[in-house]
Structure formats: structure tokens, C-alpha cells
Amino acid sequence: MNPVSIGLLVLGVVLAILAAARARAPWTRYRALRSQEANIARYEAWRGGLRDTGPTGASVALELLRAQLRTDAAIGAVGILLVVAGLILR
């Protein structure tokens, strides 16, 4: 293997691990907020409907977490592409 392919492999693995580490906490929080939102929706349906149609703090936080998760997914995808490129260049 040449040094370029080894470098691409190492960099790709590092990026994939970094993306997974960065995404762990937001993903956990995202799932918890979605669960809360579903619980609130069930409660409001039981009470007879939604009282306020505006955005909630949880919906804003969900959108911020989605944006961070998209960024982390892009970092991971670049890492995987670098690994594949390193394997092709062998």
C-alpha cells in the first residue's frame, strides 16, 4: 500500500469515528424530545385539541438537533468516502 492510500484510510476512519462521537449526544437528546413531543400530542388530543399552533421550544430544539445531526452525517459520509478511496488506490 502506498502512503497516500494509508493516509486516506486513516483520515477516513478518524472522520467516521469523530462523526459518530459527535452525533451520540444530539441523537439521544433528539429521541428524548421526540418522545416528549409525542406525549404532549397524545395529551392534547385527549384534552380536545391543540391550544397553541405556534412553534414550541421543543420544536425549535428539534430543528437545531436535526441540523447538527445532518452535519455529523456529512462528516461521516466524507470519512467513509475517504476510506473507500484509500481502498481503491491500494
Protein backbone atom coordinates (compact mmCIF):
# COMPACT_ATOMS: atom_id res chain seq x y z
CA MET A 1 0.00 0.00 0.00
CA ASN A 2 1.26 3.45 -0.82
CA PRO A 3 1.40 6.28 1.75
CA VAL A 4 -1.47 8.19 0.11
CA SER A 5 -3.91 5.28 0.46
CA ILE A 6 -2.82 4.70 4.06
CA GLY A 7 -3.32 8.40 4.79
CA LEU A 8 -6.78 8.35 3.22
CA LEU A 9 -7.73 5.25 5.20
CA VAL A 10 -6.54 6.73 8.50
CA LEU A 11 -8.18 10.10 7.85
CA GLY A 12 -11.42 8.42 6.79
CA VAL A 13 -11.56 6.25 9.89
CA VAL A 14 -10.80 9.24 12.12
CA LEU A 15 -13.57 11.28 10.48
CA ALA A 16 -16.08 8.43 10.77
CA ILE A 17 -15.26 7.95 14.46
CA LEU A 18 -15.42 11.71 15.07
CA ALA A 19 -18.83 11.90 13.40
CA ALA A 20 -20.16 9.01 15.48
CA ALA A 21 -18.84 10.56 18.69
CA ARG A 22 -20.28 13.98 17.84
CA ALA A 23 -23.68 12.54 16.91
CA ARG A 24 -24.18 10.41 20.02
CA ALA A 25 -25.34 13.15 22.43
CA PRO A 26 -27.57 15.05 19.96
CA TRP A 27 -29.18 11.79 18.83
CA THR A 28 -30.02 10.85 22.42
CA ARG A 29 -31.47 14.30 23.10
CA TYR A 30 -33.36 14.25 19.77
CA ARG A 31 -35.02 10.95 20.63
CA ALA A 32 -35.98 12.23 24.10
CA LEU A 33 -37.51 15.42 22.68
CA ARG A 34 -39.44 13.46 20.05
CA SER A 35 -40.80 11.25 22.81
CA GLN A 36 -41.87 14.33 24.78
CA GLU A 37 -43.50 15.85 21.71
CA ALA A 38 -45.44 12.63 21.08
CA ASN A 39 -46.54 12.53 24.71
CA ILE A 40 -47.72 16.15 24.55
CA ALA A 41 -49.59 15.45 21.30
CA ARG A 42 -51.38 12.49 22.93
CA TYR A 43 -52.26 14.61 25.96
CA GLU A 44 -53.58 17.47 23.84
CA ALA A 45 -55.62 15.05 21.73
CA TRP A 46 -57.07 13.62 24.94
CA ARG A 47 -57.90 17.14 26.19
CA GLY A 48 -59.69 18.00 22.98
CA GLY A 49 -57.16 19.63 20.70
CA LEU A 50 -54.16 21.85 20.44
CA ARG A 51 -54.37 25.13 22.32
CA ASP A 52 -51.49 26.94 20.57
CA THR A 53 -50.35 26.36 17.00
CA GLY A 54 -47.07 28.31 17.23
CA PRO A 55 -43.64 26.73 17.42
CA THR A 56 -42.65 25.36 20.78
CA GLY A 57 -39.25 25.41 22.39
CA ALA A 58 -39.02 21.69 21.82
CA SER A 59 -39.75 22.03 18.10
CA VAL A 60 -37.03 24.68 17.77
CA ALA A 61 -34.59 22.46 19.67
CA LEU A 62 -35.53 19.51 17.44
CA GLU A 63 -34.70 21.53 14.34
CA LEU A 64 -31.32 22.56 15.79
CA LEU A 65 -30.55 18.95 16.66
CA ARG A 66 -31.57 17.84 13.15
CA ALA A 67 -29.17 20.38 11.66
CA GLN A 68 -26.33 19.15 13.87
CA LEU A 69 -27.10 15.53 13.01
CA ARG A 70 -27.07 16.38 9.29
CA THR A 71 -23.64 17.96 9.73
CA ASP A 72 -22.38 14.90 11.60
CA ALA A 73 -23.80 12.62 8.91
CA ALA A 74 -21.98 14.63 6.24
CA ILE A 75 -18.70 14.32 8.19
CA GLY A 76 -19.24 10.58 8.49
CA ALA A 77 -20.04 10.27 4.79
CA VAL A 78 -16.83 12.08 3.86
CA GLY A 79 -14.94 9.74 6.17
CA ILE A 80 -16.46 6.68 4.53
CA LEU A 81 -15.70 8.07 1.08
CA LEU A 82 -12.08 8.61 2.10
CA VAL A 83 -11.85 5.02 3.34
CA VAL A 84 -13.27 3.76 0.05
CA ALA A 85 -10.87 5.98 -1.90
CA GLY A 86 -7.98 4.65 0.16
CA LEU A 87 -9.02 1.09 -0.59
CA ILE A 88 -9.36 1.80 -4.30
CA LEU A 89 -5.92 3.43 -4.51
CA ARG A 90 -4.13 0.41 -2.99
